[in-house]
Amino acid sequence: MRFALLLSAAAVSALGACSQPAEKASVAPSEPRALAGVNLDQPLRVLGTEPFWAVEITPTGLIYSGVDRPEQKAANPGPALQGMVATWTTETEARTPLVVTLMATDCSDGMSDRTYPLTAKVEIGGESLTGCAASGAAIKKAGESGRVE
């Protein structure tokens, strides 16, 4: 009888241990989002020629500018990643649709001897522009020719 009571107590104790709240699992830091080796969570510069234009992508916003064009700012919703393509879809403060698409293919801006790791397409207010992109730091570090890394 004592054995049966001890066995029952052990079983109840074991079941109680199973129903204890589990410790919270530690959340591992998320991997940075990247495309062609470019960290998309760091400031990026998207640029094109004829006409000269640029989009600065920072963690907090996108800033479109160009020759004889007003600067337009938009919130950064973060990129939607699909395979080898990253797309930011947002709206400027003036409510102009702005879509920036980066593709993991090498790109030449046509004016310099630089090769960029990303090809870009920017659609703003019914206009479609093509250009290149890389991290802002890589562009600053690069010379006038060669690969922007």
C-alpha atoms as a PDB file:
ATOM      1  CA  MET A   1       0.000   0.000   0.000  1.00  0.00           C
ATOM      2  CA  ARG A   2       2.796   2.388   0.908  1.00  0.00           C
ATOM      3  CA  PHE A   3       4.481   1.541  -2.406  1.00  0.00           C
ATOM      4  CA  ALA A   4       1.277   2.382  -4.329  1.00  0.00           C
ATOM      5  CA  LEU A   5       0.993   5.724  -2.487  1.00  0.00           C
ATOM      6  CA  LEU A   6       4.626   6.555  -3.196  1.00  0.00           C
ATOM      7  CA  LEU A   7       4.191   5.600  -6.852  1.00  0.00           C
ATOM      8  CA  SER A   8       1.018   7.771  -7.101  1.00  0.00           C
ATOM      9  CA  ALA A   9       2.808  10.690  -5.444  1.00  0.00           C
ATOM     10  CA  ALA A  10       5.720  10.322  -7.843  1.00  0.00           C
ATOM     11  CA  ALA A  11       3.338  10.265 -10.831  1.00  0.00           C
ATOM     12  CA  VAL A  12       1.483  13.378  -9.622  1.00  0.00           C
ATOM     13  CA  SER A  13       4.798  15.124  -9.022  1.00  0.00           C
ATOM     14  CA  ALA A  14       6.008  14.197 -12.499  1.00  0.00           C
ATOM     15  CA  LEU A  15       2.776  15.445 -14.099  1.00  0.00           C
ATOM     16  CA  GLY A  16       3.032  18.668 -12.127  1.00  0.00           C
ATOM     17  CA  ALA A  17       6.536  19.193 -13.427  1.00  0.00           C
ATOM     18  CA  CYS A  18       5.250  18.829 -16.988  1.00  0.00           C
ATOM     19  CA  SER A  19       2.662  21.529 -16.456  1.00  0.00           C
ATOM     20  CA  GLN A  20       5.144  24.043 -15.032  1.00  0.00           C
ATOM     21  CA  PRO A  21       5.419  27.131 -17.198  1.00  0.00           C
ATOM     22  CA  ALA A  22       8.337  26.786 -19.537  1.00  0.00           C
ATOM     23  CA  GLU A  23      11.136  29.278 -19.360  1.00  0.00           C
ATOM     24  CA  LYS A  24      10.976  31.866 -22.094  1.00  0.00           C
ATOM     25  CA  ALA A  25      13.145  30.899 -25.010  1.00  0.00           C
ATOM     26  CA  SER A  26      15.784  33.442 -25.749  1.00  0.00           C
ATOM     27  CA  VAL A  27      15.136  35.222 -29.014  1.00  0.00           C
ATOM     28  CA  ALA A  28      18.128  35.125 -31.295  1.00  0.00           C
ATOM     29  CA  PRO A  29      18.921  38.393 -33.030  1.00  0.00           C
ATOM     30  CA  SER A  30      17.531  38.413 -36.539  1.00  0.00           C
ATOM     31  CA  GLU A  31      19.865  38.076 -39.472  1.00  0.00           C
ATOM     32  CA  PRO A  32      20.312  41.249 -41.492  1.00  0.00           C
ATOM     33  CA  ARG A  33      18.345  41.307 -44.720  1.00  0.00           C
ATOM     34  CA  ALA A  34      20.785  41.175 -47.627  1.00  0.00           C
ATOM     35  CA  LEU A  35      20.765  41.133 -51.414  1.00  0.00           C
ATOM     36  CA  ALA A  36      23.930  40.387 -53.448  1.00  0.00           C
ATOM     37  CA  GLY A  37      25.921  40.760 -50.231  1.00  0.00           C
ATOM     38  CA  VAL A  38      24.494  44.237 -49.538  1.00  0.00           C
ATOM     39  CA  ASN A  39      22.932  44.663 -46.080  1.00  0.00           C
ATOM     40  CA  LEU A  40      19.512  46.205 -46.786  1.00  0.00           C
ATOM     41  CA  ASP A  41      19.164  47.378 -43.179  1.00  0.00           C
ATOM     42  CA  GLN A  42      22.076  49.832 -43.609  1.00  0.00           C
ATOM     43  CA  PRO A  43      21.870  53.134 -45.515  1.00  0.00           C
ATOM     44  CA  LEU A  44      21.710  52.566 -49.266  1.00  0.00           C
ATOM     45  CA  ARG A  45      22.213  54.893 -52.205  1.00  0.00           C
ATOM     46  CA  VAL A  46      20.295  54.358 -55.413  1.00  0.00           C
ATOM     47  CA  LEU A  47      21.377  56.544 -58.336  1.00  0.00           C
ATOM     48  CA  GLY A  48      20.886  57.121 -62.000  1.00  0.00           C
ATOM     49  CA  THR A  49      21.921  59.381 -64.840  1.00  0.00           C
ATOM     50  CA  GLU A  50      20.177  61.160 -67.698  1.00  0.00           C
ATOM     51  CA  PRO A  51      18.530  62.726 -65.818  1.00  0.00           C
ATOM     52  CA  PHE A  52      20.661  62.658 -62.659  1.00  0.00           C
ATOM     53  CA  TRP A  53      18.626  61.411 -59.708  1.00  0.00           C
ATOM     54  CA  ALA A  54      19.141  59.571 -56.417  1.00  0.00           C
ATOM     55  CA  VAL A  55      17.230  57.889 -53.642  1.00  0.00           C
ATOM     56  CA  GLU A  56      18.790  57.651 -50.193  1.00  0.00           C
ATOM     57  CA  ILE A  57      17.349  54.746 -48.210  1.00  0.00           C
ATOM     58  CA  THR A  58      17.920  54.948 -44.468  1.00  0.00           C
ATOM     59  CA  PRO A  59      16.319  52.882 -41.713  1.00  0.00           C
ATOM     60  CA  THR A  60      13.804  55.691 -41.117  1.00  0.00           C
ATOM     61  CA  GLY A  61      13.051  57.010 -44.586  1.00  0.00           C
ATOM     62  CA  LEU A  62      13.587  57.371 -48.310  1.00  0.00           C
ATOM     63  CA  ILE A  63      14.649  60.662 -49.872  1.00  0.00           C
ATOM     64  CA  TYR A  64      14.280  61.120 -53.627  1.00  0.00           C
ATOM     65  CA  SER A  65      16.175  63.987 -55.272  1.00  0.00           C
ATOM     66  CA  GLY A  66      17.330  64.989 -58.713  1.00  0.00           C
ATOM     67  CA  VAL A  67      18.553  67.790 -60.913  1.00  0.00           C
ATOM     68  CA  ASP A  68      15.732  70.314 -61.356  1.00  0.00           C
ATOM     69  CA  ARG A  69      13.461  68.132 -59.230  1.00  0.00           C
ATOM     70  CA  PRO A  70      12.082  68.860 -55.777  1.00  0.00           C
ATOM     71  CA  GLU A  71      13.323  66.639 -52.954  1.00  0.00           C
ATOM     72  CA  GLN A  72      10.628  64.219 -51.820  1.00  0.00           C
ATOM     73  CA  LYS A  73      10.657  62.293 -48.543  1.00  0.00           C
ATOM     74  CA  ALA A  74       8.828  59.108 -47.620  1.00  0.00           C
ATOM     75  CA  ALA A  75       8.665  56.719 -44.673  1.00  0.00           C
ATOM     76  CA  ASN A  76      10.656  53.493 -44.942  1.00  0.00           C
ATOM     77  CA  PRO A  77       8.266  50.529 -44.697  1.00  0.00           C
ATOM     78  CA  GLY A  78      11.187  48.109 -45.127  1.00  0.00           C
ATOM     79  CA  PRO A  79      11.834  46.011 -48.179  1.00  0.00           C
ATOM     80  CA  ALA A  80       9.706  43.118 -49.362  1.00  0.00           C
ATOM     81  CA  LEU A  81      12.164  40.391 -50.352  1.00  0.00           C
ATOM     82  CA  GLN A  82      11.350  37.866 -53.032  1.00  0.00           C
ATOM     83  CA  GLY A  83      14.227  35.780 -54.298  1.00  0.00           C
ATOM     84  CA  MET A  84      16.828  38.097 -55.820  1.00  0.00           C
ATOM     85  CA  VAL A  85      14.616  41.205 -55.643  1.00  0.00           C
ATOM     86  CA  ALA A  86      13.898  43.721 -52.850  1.00  0.00           C
ATOM     87  CA  THR A  87      11.061  46.256 -53.185  1.00  0.00           C
ATOM     88  CA  TRP A  88      10.143  49.283 -51.082  1.00  0.00           C
ATOM     89  CA  THR A  89       6.597  50.503 -51.737  1.00  0.00           C
ATOM     90  CA  THR A  90       5.701  53.773 -50.053  1.00  0.00           C
ATOM     91  CA  GLU A  91       4.228  57.215 -50.598  1.00  0.00           C
ATOM     92  CA  THR A  92       5.989  60.576 -50.322  1.00  0.00           C
ATOM     93  CA  GLU A  93       4.855  63.323 -47.976  1.00  0.00           C
ATOM     94  CA  ALA A  94       3.159  64.864 -51.046  1.00  0.00           C
ATOM     95  CA  ARG A  95       1.252  61.572 -51.472  1.00  0.00           C
ATOM     96  CA  THR A  96       3.167  60.607 -54.604  1.00  0.00           C
ATOM     97  CA  PRO A  97       3.594  56.836 -54.998  1.00  0.00           C
ATOM     98  CA  LEU A  98       7.246  55.759 -54.729  1.00  0.00           C
ATOM     99  CA  VAL A  99       8.439  52.247 -55.530  1.00  0.00           C
ATOM    100  CA  VAL A 100      12.130  51.326 -55.370  1.00  0.00           C
ATOM    101  CA  THR A 101      13.087  47.896 -56.706  1.00  0.00           C
ATOM    102  CA  LEU A 102      16.608  46.499 -56.349  1.00  0.00           C
ATOM    103  CA  MET A 103      17.764  43.400 -58.215  1.00  0.00           C
ATOM    104  CA  ALA A 104      20.834  41.314 -57.441  1.00  0.00           C
ATOM    105  CA  THR A 105      22.541  41.905 -60.781  1.00  0.00           C
ATOM    106  CA  ASP A 106      25.667  43.913 -61.546  1.00  0.00           C
ATOM    107  CA  CYS A 107      25.069  47.406 -62.864  1.00  0.00           C
ATOM    108  CA  SER A 108      27.016  50.180 -64.569  1.00  0.00           C
ATOM    109  CA  ASP A 109      25.737  53.735 -64.233  1.00  0.00           C
ATOM    110  CA  GLY A 110      26.881  54.526 -67.787  1.00  0.00           C
ATOM    111  CA  MET A 111      28.908  57.581 -66.721  1.00  0.00           C
ATOM    112  CA  SER A 112      31.673  56.195 -64.520  1.00  0.00           C
ATOM    113  CA  ASP A 113      33.756  53.074 -64.709  1.00  0.00           C
ATOM    114  CA  ARG A 114      32.135  51.728 -61.539  1.00  0.00           C
ATOM    115  CA  THR A 115      30.302  48.425 -61.278  1.00  0.00           C
ATOM    116  CA  TYR A 116      27.587  48.284 -58.612  1.00  0.00           C
ATOM    117  CA  PRO A 117      26.227  45.080 -57.025  1.00  0.00           C
ATOM    118  CA  LEU A 118      22.569  46.035 -57.531  1.00  0.00           C
ATOM    119  CA  THR A 119      20.445  47.182 -60.454  1.00  0.00           C
ATOM    120  CA  ALA A 120      17.653  49.601 -59.561  1.00  0.00           C
ATOM    121  CA  LYS A 121      14.288  50.673 -60.889  1.00  0.00           C
ATOM    122  CA  VAL A 122      12.495  53.636 -59.330  1.00  0.00           C
ATOM    123  CA  GLU A 123       8.911  54.547 -60.076  1.00  0.00           C
ATOM    124  CA  ILE A 124       7.760  57.922 -58.814  1.00  0.00           C
ATOM    125  CA  GLY A 125       4.703  59.850 -59.862  1.00  0.00           C
ATOM    126  CA  GLY A 126       4.245  58.005 -63.153  1.00  0.00           C
ATOM    127  CA  GLU A 127       7.933  58.252 -64.096  1.00  0.00           C
ATOM    128  CA  SER A 128      10.127  55.162 -64.377  1.00  0.00           C
ATOM    129  CA  LEU A 129      13.884  55.514 -63.816  1.00  0.00           C
ATOM    130  CA  THR A 130      16.661  52.930 -63.998  1.00  0.00           C
ATOM    131  CA  GLY A 131      19.995  52.993 -62.230  1.00  0.00           C
ATOM    132  CA  CYS A 132      22.314  51.247 -59.806  1.00  0.00           C
ATOM    133  CA  ALA A 133      22.618  50.811 -56.046  1.00  0.00           C
ATOM    134  CA  ALA A 134      24.994  49.883 -53.239  1.00  0.00           C
ATOM    135  CA  SER A 135      25.503  50.724 -49.592  1.00  0.00           C
ATOM    136  CA  GLY A 136      26.258  54.380 -48.989  1.00  0.00           C
ATOM    137  CA  ALA A 137      29.498  53.436 -47.223  1.00  0.00           C
ATOM    138  CA  ALA A 138      30.682  51.309 -50.162  1.00  0.00           C
ATOM    139  CA  ILE A 139      30.025  54.111 -52.649  1.00  0.00           C
ATOM    140  CA  LYS A 140      31.953  56.621 -50.500  1.00  0.00           C
ATOM    141  CA  LYS A 141      34.854  54.193 -50.208  1.00  0.00           C
ATOM    142  CA  ALA A 142      34.973  53.290 -53.912  1.00  0.00           C
ATOM    143  CA  GLY A 143      37.126  55.118 -56.381  1.00  0.00           C
ATOM    144  CA  GLU A 144      35.985  56.451 -59.724  1.00  0.00           C
ATOM    145  CA  SER A 145      36.382  53.053 -61.323  1.00  0.00           C
ATOM    146  CA  GLY A 146      36.148  49.392 -60.434  1.00  0.00           C
ATOM    147  CA  ARG A 147      33.709  47.417 -58.364  1.00  0.00           C
ATOM    148  CA  VAL A 148      31.738  49.045 -55.565  1.00  0.00           C
ATOM    149  CA  GLU A 149      31.990  46.591 -52.668  1.00  0.00           C
END
